[in-house]
Amino acid sequence: MLTTSEEKSVDSKDGFYEELEQAFDYFPKYHMKFLLEDFNAQLERENIFNPTIGNESLHNDSNDNGARIVNLQHKKNLVV
């Protein structure tokens, strides 16, 4: 049975995001970088997320993957 990334262990997720950051930092600093992936991230329509995703979320609840992608966005100064 396949599991979604939300069902993976914390260690597995930590390892993935560490590798993702290393890969992101590996490339020279271009004017724009695109990061495309289905992170199974869900963020609810909370005011706290407006600077990141606006108020256009489709979800009523946030999940761990949503929090992780927002943290990555803040660390790397990305636009979602």
Protein backbone atom coordinates (compact mmCIF):
# COMPACT_ATOMS: atom_id res chain seq x y z
CA MET A 1 0.00 0.00 0.00
CA LEU A 2 1.32 3.43 -0.93
CA THR A 3 1.39 6.09 1.74
CA THR A 4 1.09 9.79 1.17
CA SER A 5 3.87 12.04 2.29
CA GLU A 6 1.67 13.20 5.18
CA GLU A 7 1.83 9.65 6.58
CA LYS A 8 5.64 9.41 6.42
CA SER A 9 7.73 9.47 9.59
CA VAL A 10 9.06 12.73 10.98
CA ASP A 11 12.63 11.54 10.32
CA SER A 12 11.76 10.79 6.70
CA LYS A 13 10.20 14.23 6.24
CA ASP A 14 13.13 15.94 7.96
CA GLY A 15 15.55 14.15 5.63
CA PHE A 16 13.52 15.12 2.57
CA TYR A 17 13.41 18.81 3.50
CA GLU A 18 17.15 18.83 4.34
CA GLU A 19 17.91 17.40 0.90
CA LEU A 20 15.50 19.85 -0.71
CA GLU A 21 17.22 22.81 0.95
CA GLN A 22 20.65 21.51 -0.07
CA ALA A 23 19.52 21.11 -3.68
CA PHE A 24 17.94 24.56 -3.63
CA ASP A 25 21.12 26.13 -2.24
CA TYR A 26 23.36 24.21 -4.67
CA PHE A 27 22.23 26.21 -7.68
CA PRO A 28 23.67 29.67 -8.28
CA LYS A 29 21.56 32.61 -7.28
CA TYR A 30 19.47 33.38 -10.32
CA HIS A 31 16.86 36.07 -10.54
CA MET A 32 14.20 33.37 -10.26
CA LYS A 33 14.10 29.76 -9.18
CA PHE A 34 11.07 27.53 -9.57
CA LEU A 35 10.33 24.76 -7.13
CA LEU A 36 7.62 22.45 -8.44
CA GLU A 37 6.35 19.52 -6.44
CA ASP A 38 3.18 18.09 -4.99
CA PHE A 39 3.97 18.37 -1.29
CA ASN A 40 0.51 17.26 -0.13
CA ALA A 41 0.52 20.53 1.79
CA GLN A 42 -2.72 21.85 3.17
CA LEU A 43 -3.09 25.27 4.73
CA GLU A 44 -6.34 26.56 6.08
CA ARG A 45 -7.62 30.07 5.42
CA GLU A 46 -6.02 31.75 8.42
CA ASN A 47 -4.87 35.36 8.51
CA ILE A 48 -1.41 34.17 9.50
CA PHE A 49 -0.97 32.51 6.08
CA ASN A 50 -2.18 35.49 3.99
CA PRO A 51 1.37 36.76 3.30
CA THR A 52 2.34 33.29 2.09
CA ILE A 53 -0.64 31.99 0.13
CA GLY A 54 -3.22 34.74 0.31
CA ASN A 55 -6.76 33.85 1.26
CA GLU A 56 -7.34 31.46 -1.64
CA SER A 57 -6.73 28.17 0.15
CA LEU A 58 -9.05 25.30 -0.64
CA HIS A 59 -8.56 23.63 2.74
CA ASN A 60 -10.33 23.99 6.06
CA ASP A 61 -7.47 22.45 8.05
CA SER A 62 -3.70 22.70 7.93
CA ASN A 63 -1.43 19.66 8.02
CA ASP A 64 2.22 19.04 8.88
CA ASN A 65 3.28 19.27 5.24
CA GLY A 66 1.63 22.67 4.99
CA ALA A 67 3.57 23.93 7.99
CA ARG A 68 6.81 22.56 6.55
CA ILE A 69 6.36 24.23 3.17
CA VAL A 70 5.55 27.56 4.85
CA ASN A 71 8.72 27.22 6.96
CA LEU A 72 10.76 26.53 3.82
CA GLN A 73 9.16 29.52 2.12
CA HIS A 74 10.12 31.79 5.01
CA LYS A 75 13.69 30.43 5.28
CA LYS A 76 14.38 30.82 1.57
CA ASN A 77 12.30 33.97 1.01
CA LEU A 78 10.15 32.25 -1.64
CA VAL A 79 6.85 33.31 -3.15
CA VAL A 80 4.14 30.67 -3.18
